Amino acid sequence: MITAKGKIAVAEPISVKVPEAVRLTGLSRSRIYELMKSGDIEFAKVGSSTLILVESLRGFIHSMTPDRTANHGPAPRRLISASSRSARRTPG
């Protein structure tokens, strides 16, 4: 299909199989299955195929962005420079 501006429109899939979800997200296959089991990403079984909803993948990744994880998980670790480490040491 060609749009009014002469560009080719590419239809985006509504679901992908696990290997494609791994490629799209950069997460491991095991992590994808963990997220499916925990309900963090939605999927459908069609026969022997497992189809992961693309919108669910997007929503999960979006929810993990720094401004959205304030109440999820530990705070990021601060780097401590060598000079601040030595200032905190007590003699003795």
Protein backbone atom coordinates (compact mmCIF):
# COMPACT_ATOMS: atom_id res chain seq x y z
CA MET A 1 0.00 0.00 0.00
CA ILE A 2 1.33 3.47 -0.88
CA THR A 3 0.34 6.47 1.24
CA ALA A 4 -0.70 9.89 -0.06
CA LYS A 5 2.88 11.10 0.44
CA GLY A 6 4.22 8.32 -1.77
CA LYS A 7 5.68 6.26 1.06
CA ILE A 8 5.11 2.56 1.43
CA ALA A 9 3.02 1.74 4.50
CA VAL A 10 4.13 -1.36 6.34
CA ALA A 11 1.51 -3.26 8.30
CA GLU A 12 2.65 -3.95 11.83
CA PRO A 13 1.89 -7.38 13.29
CA ILE A 14 -0.43 -7.63 16.27
CA SER A 15 1.46 -10.63 17.61
CA VAL A 16 4.87 -12.25 17.30
CA LYS A 17 6.35 -15.62 18.19
CA VAL A 18 8.81 -15.94 21.06
CA PRO A 19 12.00 -15.72 18.93
CA GLU A 20 10.78 -12.46 17.39
CA ALA A 21 9.84 -11.08 20.85
CA VAL A 22 13.41 -11.88 21.96
CA ARG A 23 14.80 -10.04 18.93
CA LEU A 24 12.50 -7.03 19.36
CA THR A 25 13.11 -6.54 23.08
CA GLY A 26 16.64 -7.77 23.57
CA LEU A 27 15.43 -9.90 26.48
CA SER A 28 16.40 -13.54 26.78
CA ARG A 29 14.05 -16.34 25.79
CA SER A 30 13.88 -17.44 29.44
CA ARG A 31 12.98 -13.91 30.58
CA ILE A 32 10.19 -13.72 27.98
CA TYR A 33 8.73 -16.98 29.35
CA GLU A 34 9.04 -15.67 32.94
CA LEU A 35 7.15 -12.51 31.97
CA MET A 36 4.47 -14.60 30.29
CA LYS A 37 4.12 -16.80 33.38
CA SER A 38 3.89 -13.80 35.72
CA GLY A 39 1.29 -12.12 33.51
CA ASP A 40 3.53 -9.14 32.72
CA ILE A 41 3.13 -9.76 29.00
CA GLU A 42 0.03 -11.16 27.31
CA PHE A 43 0.12 -14.10 24.96
CA ALA A 44 -2.20 -16.49 23.18
CA LYS A 45 -1.78 -20.16 22.39
CA VAL A 46 -2.98 -21.14 18.94
CA GLY A 47 -2.40 -24.83 18.51
CA SER A 48 1.25 -25.37 19.36
CA SER A 49 2.19 -21.74 18.56
CA THR A 50 2.70 -19.15 21.29
CA LEU A 51 1.83 -15.66 20.08
CA ILE A 52 2.86 -12.66 22.16
CA LEU A 53 0.83 -9.49 21.74
CA VAL A 54 3.03 -6.67 20.42
CA GLU A 55 1.09 -4.05 22.40
CA SER A 56 1.77 -6.03 25.56
CA LEU A 57 5.51 -6.05 24.80
CA ARG A 58 5.41 -2.31 24.18
CA GLY A 59 3.49 -1.69 27.38
CA PHE A 60 5.92 -3.75 29.44
CA ILE A 61 9.01 -2.05 28.02
CA HIS A 62 7.35 1.36 28.40
CA SER A 63 6.56 0.60 32.05
CA MET A 64 10.24 -0.16 32.66
CA THR A 65 11.50 3.26 31.56
CA PRO A 66 13.23 5.17 34.39
CA ASP A 67 10.42 7.69 34.96
CA ARG A 68 7.91 4.88 35.38
CA THR A 69 9.90 2.59 37.70
CA ALA A 70 10.03 4.88 40.73
CA ASN A 71 8.08 2.35 42.80
CA HIS A 72 9.34 -0.80 41.07
CA GLY A 73 12.54 -2.44 42.23
CA PRO A 74 15.63 -1.11 43.92
CA ALA A 75 16.97 2.35 43.31
CA PRO A 76 19.84 2.62 40.86
CA ARG A 77 23.26 2.29 42.50
CA ARG A 78 25.28 5.47 42.80
CA LEU A 79 28.86 5.43 41.71
CA ILE A 80 31.25 6.49 44.44
CA SER A 81 34.50 8.08 43.38
CA ALA A 82 37.79 7.14 45.03
CA SER A 83 38.05 10.60 46.64
CA SER A 84 34.64 10.34 48.30
CA ARG A 85 35.48 6.82 49.54
CA SER A 86 38.64 8.01 51.25
CA ALA A 87 36.77 10.94 52.81
CA ARG A 88 34.30 8.52 54.41
CA ARG A 89 36.94 6.26 56.00
CA THR A 90 37.53 6.65 59.67
CA PRO A 91 41.06 6.47 61.03
CA GLY A 92 41.89 3.62 63.02
